[in-house]
Amino acid sequence: MMSVTGWSIRLYEAADEVVWAIKLNALWIGFTLVGGVALGIGPATLAAYSLARRRSSGESFHALPAFRTAFRREFRRGCLVVLPLVAAAVLLIGNYLYFASLGTKASLPRLASLVALVALGVIAAYLLPMAVHYDLKVRELLPKASLVALARPASSLLLLFVAVSIAYVSGRFPVLGIVLAGGGWIQLNTWLCLRFFAENEARLHLKGNS
């Protein structure tokens, strides 16, 4: 049986992760607003993923100055990477809502819009951690993230399950969603993808030595 001390340590670590997710969420939203949303969401998102990667790697840092530095560094690249994803998501959501308003006669295009939106979400779930983990050009991210999403169906399903679970909890508890969901997803998404990337690199290394 686990000792009282062991449980205390685990509870402390869990509480620390929740506090970190709240902090990361606040920084992500705050810097998105500072950039006027349209010019803020890209660099704020890459900055958040950059800090999530550092956190997952065990680094210690002061969140606000680290986020500010990452935001400035990733401003141009963040806009180029994130804004097309946001635009595509908005378009697909708009299509889905439009076809849903037409009723059963538009079931097929509505389903196609939903499938495309899910595919975009899964690809983005790989692309964003990949953008801060690897030294890749912007034009290389989409094909590589798409390839990984197709090559790792089990991992893709896990990412989708986590995203849907967070969305469900946020829908049931809106206040919790506002203060925690974004940062929690970014940290979990990064933590999982770093392990997926490491497994993939190890497999490729073994193939290269075989």
Protein backbone atom coordinates (compact mmCIF):
# COMPACT_ATOMS: atom_id res chain seq x y z
CA MET A 1 0.00 0.00 0.00
CA MET A 2 1.13 3.52 -0.71
CA SER A 3 2.19 5.45 2.39
CA VAL A 4 0.59 8.69 3.53
CA THR A 5 3.73 10.50 2.42
CA GLY A 6 3.46 8.94 -1.05
CA TRP A 7 -0.16 10.04 -1.40
CA SER A 8 0.73 13.53 -0.18
CA ILE A 9 3.44 13.82 -2.82
CA ARG A 10 1.10 12.65 -5.57
CA LEU A 11 -1.63 15.07 -4.46
CA TYR A 12 0.87 17.90 -4.38
CA GLU A 13 2.12 17.05 -7.86
CA ALA A 14 -1.45 16.86 -9.19
CA ALA A 15 -2.33 20.21 -7.61
CA ASP A 16 0.86 21.72 -9.02
CA GLU A 17 -0.08 20.55 -12.53
CA VAL A 18 -3.56 22.06 -12.19
CA VAL A 19 -2.11 25.38 -11.01
CA TRP A 20 0.35 25.33 -13.90
CA ALA A 21 -2.43 24.63 -16.41
CA ILE A 22 -4.45 27.56 -15.03
CA LYS A 23 -1.39 29.81 -15.28
CA LEU A 24 -0.61 28.68 -18.84
CA ASN A 25 -4.26 29.18 -19.81
CA ALA A 26 -4.25 32.73 -18.41
CA LEU A 27 -1.03 33.61 -20.25
CA TRP A 28 -2.34 32.16 -23.51
CA ILE A 29 -5.61 34.10 -23.31
CA GLY A 30 -3.92 37.27 -22.05
CA PHE A 31 -1.30 37.45 -24.79
CA THR A 32 -3.90 36.53 -27.43
CA LEU A 33 -5.87 39.60 -26.32
CA VAL A 34 -2.72 41.74 -26.21
CA GLY A 35 -2.19 40.93 -29.88
CA GLY A 36 -5.75 41.94 -30.72
CA VAL A 37 -6.80 38.27 -31.07
CA ALA A 38 -6.10 38.03 -34.82
CA LEU A 39 -2.40 38.88 -34.42
CA GLY A 40 -2.14 37.45 -30.93
CA ILE A 41 -3.50 33.92 -31.16
CA GLY A 42 -0.67 32.62 -33.36
CA PRO A 43 2.36 33.71 -31.33
CA ALA A 44 0.49 33.13 -28.04
CA THR A 45 -0.29 29.55 -29.06
CA LEU A 46 3.29 28.72 -30.07
CA ALA A 47 4.58 30.45 -26.94
CA ALA A 48 2.24 28.32 -24.82
CA TYR A 49 3.38 25.13 -26.55
CA SER A 50 7.01 26.20 -26.15
CA LEU A 51 6.56 26.59 -22.38
CA ALA A 52 4.59 23.33 -22.19
CA ARG A 53 7.51 21.57 -23.89
CA ARG A 54 9.97 23.06 -21.42
CA ARG A 55 7.73 22.04 -18.53
CA SER A 56 7.44 18.49 -19.89
CA SER A 57 11.24 18.36 -20.17
CA GLY A 58 11.61 19.21 -16.49
CA GLU A 59 12.92 22.76 -16.92
CA SER A 60 12.36 25.41 -14.27
CA PHE A 61 11.53 28.95 -15.38
CA HIS A 62 9.48 32.01 -14.51
CA ALA A 63 6.30 31.75 -16.55
CA LEU A 64 5.56 35.39 -17.41
CA PRO A 65 8.98 36.49 -18.67
CA ALA A 66 9.47 33.17 -20.47
CA PHE A 67 6.10 33.51 -22.16
CA ARG A 68 6.79 37.12 -23.12
CA THR A 69 10.11 36.16 -24.69
CA ALA A 70 8.59 33.23 -26.58
CA PHE A 71 5.70 35.41 -27.78
CA ARG A 72 8.06 37.94 -29.29
CA ARG A 73 10.31 35.27 -30.80
CA GLU A 74 7.40 33.37 -32.34
CA PHE A 75 5.35 36.34 -33.54
CA ARG A 76 5.85 35.98 -37.29
CA ARG A 77 6.12 32.19 -37.29
CA GLY A 78 3.13 31.84 -34.99
CA CYS A 79 0.94 33.84 -37.36
CA LEU A 80 2.07 31.76 -40.34
CA VAL A 81 1.50 28.45 -38.54
CA VAL A 82 -1.65 29.06 -36.49
CA LEU A 83 -3.78 31.52 -38.48
CA PRO A 84 -4.33 29.13 -41.44
CA LEU A 85 -5.43 26.43 -38.97
CA VAL A 86 -7.84 28.83 -37.28
CA ALA A 87 -9.21 30.02 -40.63
CA ALA A 88 -9.77 26.44 -41.80
CA ALA A 89 -11.47 25.53 -38.51
CA VAL A 90 -13.77 28.56 -38.67
CA LEU A 91 -14.69 27.73 -42.28
CA LEU A 92 -15.45 24.08 -41.45
CA ILE A 93 -17.49 24.99 -38.37
CA GLY A 94 -19.43 27.52 -40.45
CA ASN A 95 -20.09 24.87 -43.09
CA TYR A 96 -21.22 22.36 -40.47
CA LEU A 97 -23.64 24.82 -38.87
CA TYR A 98 -24.99 25.87 -42.25
CA PHE A 99 -25.63 22.31 -43.39
CA ALA A 100 -27.09 21.43 -39.98
CA SER A 101 -29.61 24.26 -40.42
CA LEU A 102 -30.81 22.65 -43.68
CA GLY A 103 -31.93 19.51 -41.89
CA THR A 104 -31.75 15.92 -43.11
CA LYS A 105 -31.40 16.84 -46.78
CA ALA A 106 -27.88 18.10 -46.06
CA SER A 107 -26.77 15.15 -43.91
CA LEU A 108 -23.91 14.09 -46.17
CA PRO A 109 -22.23 17.50 -46.53
CA ARG A 110 -22.74 18.06 -42.80
CA LEU A 111 -21.02 14.75 -42.04
CA ALA A 112 -18.22 15.57 -44.48
CA SER A 113 -17.66 18.91 -42.73
CA LEU A 114 -17.54 17.18 -39.35
CA VAL A 115 -15.06 14.55 -40.56
CA ALA A 116 -12.86 17.25 -42.10
CA LEU A 117 -12.99 19.24 -38.85
CA VAL A 118 -11.98 16.19 -36.79
CA ALA A 119 -9.13 15.44 -39.22
CA LEU A 120 -7.95 19.04 -38.98
CA GLY A 121 -8.04 18.86 -35.18
CA VAL A 122 -6.00 15.66 -35.06
CA ILE A 123 -3.40 17.03 -37.50
CA ALA A 124 -3.18 20.29 -35.51
CA ALA A 125 -2.69 18.25 -32.32
CA TYR A 126 0.54 16.91 -33.83
CA LEU A 127 1.54 20.01 -35.78
CA LEU A 128 1.65 22.49 -32.88
CA PRO A 129 3.90 20.42 -30.56
CA MET A 130 5.99 19.54 -33.62
CA ALA A 131 6.43 23.24 -34.40
CA VAL A 132 8.17 23.88 -31.06
CA HIS A 133 9.98 20.54 -30.81
CA TYR A 134 11.65 20.24 -34.20
CA ASP A 135 13.58 22.74 -36.28
CA LEU A 136 11.25 22.60 -39.28
CA LYS A 137 10.23 25.19 -41.84
CA VAL A 138 6.60 26.28 -41.79
CA ARG A 139 5.85 24.58 -45.13
CA GLU A 140 7.19 21.26 -43.78
CA LEU A 141 4.90 21.10 -40.74
CA LEU A 142 1.58 20.21 -42.37
CA PRO A 143 2.79 17.25 -44.48
CA LYS A 144 4.87 15.84 -41.61
CA ALA A 145 2.06 16.22 -39.06
CA SER A 146 -0.40 14.63 -41.49
CA LEU A 147 1.96 11.71 -42.05
CA VAL A 148 2.38 11.12 -38.32
CA ALA A 149 -1.40 11.31 -37.79
CA LEU A 150 -1.94 8.63 -40.44
CA ALA A 151 0.98 6.46 -39.30
CA ARG A 152 -0.11 6.43 -35.64
CA PRO A 153 -3.88 5.77 -35.59
CA ALA A 154 -3.91 4.64 -31.94
CA SER A 155 -2.09 7.80 -30.82
CA SER A 156 -4.40 9.92 -32.96
CA LEU A 157 -7.45 8.32 -31.33
CA LEU A 158 -5.98 8.97 -27.88
CA LEU A 159 -5.42 12.66 -28.70
CA LEU A 160 -8.97 12.89 -30.04
CA PHE A 161 -10.35 11.22 -26.90
CA VAL A 162 -8.46 13.66 -24.63
CA ALA A 163 -9.66 16.65 -26.65
CA VAL A 164 -13.29 15.48 -26.63
CA SER A 165 -13.10 14.76 -22.89
CA ILE A 166 -11.80 18.26 -22.15
CA ALA A 167 -14.47 19.77 -24.41
CA TYR A 168 -17.17 17.73 -22.62
CA VAL A 169 -16.04 18.77 -19.15
CA SER A 170 -15.77 22.40 -20.31
CA GLY A 171 -19.33 22.22 -21.63
CA ARG A 172 -20.62 20.81 -18.35
CA PHE A 173 -18.63 23.24 -16.21
CA PRO A 174 -18.12 26.48 -18.21
CA VAL A 175 -16.17 28.29 -15.50
CA LEU A 176 -13.71 25.41 -15.26
CA GLY A 177 -13.41 25.45 -19.04
CA ILE A 178 -12.61 29.16 -19.12
CA VAL A 179 -9.87 29.03 -16.48
CA LEU A 180 -8.35 25.63 -17.23
CA ALA A 181 -9.29 24.00 -20.54
CA GLY A 182 -6.90 25.75 -22.94
CA GLY A 183 -3.82 25.43 -20.76
CA GLY A 184 -4.73 21.89 -19.72
CA TRP A 185 -5.11 20.77 -23.33
CA ILE A 186 -1.87 22.44 -24.45
CA GLN A 187 0.11 20.81 -21.65
CA LEU A 188 -1.45 17.35 -22.09
CA ASN A 189 -1.17 17.56 -25.88
CA THR A 190 2.51 18.49 -25.64
CA TRP A 191 3.31 15.84 -23.02
CA LEU A 192 1.68 13.09 -25.07
CA CYS A 193 3.19 14.17 -28.39
CA LEU A 194 6.71 14.39 -26.99
CA ARG A 195 6.37 10.74 -26.04
CA PHE A 196 4.90 9.83 -29.41
CA PHE A 197 7.77 11.62 -31.14
CA ALA A 198 10.34 9.85 -28.95
CA GLU A 199 8.76 6.45 -29.71
CA ASN A 200 8.74 7.22 -33.41
CA GLU A 201 12.38 8.32 -33.38
CA ALA A 202 13.37 5.18 -31.47
CA ARG A 203 11.55 2.97 -33.99
CA LEU A 204 13.20 4.73 -36.91
CA HIS A 205 16.57 4.40 -35.20
CA LEU A 206 16.06 0.65 -34.78
CA LYS A 207 15.06 0.32 -38.43
CA GLY A 208 18.19 2.23 -39.43
CA ASN A 209 20.38 -0.15 -37.45
CA SER A 210 18.64 -3.31 -38.65
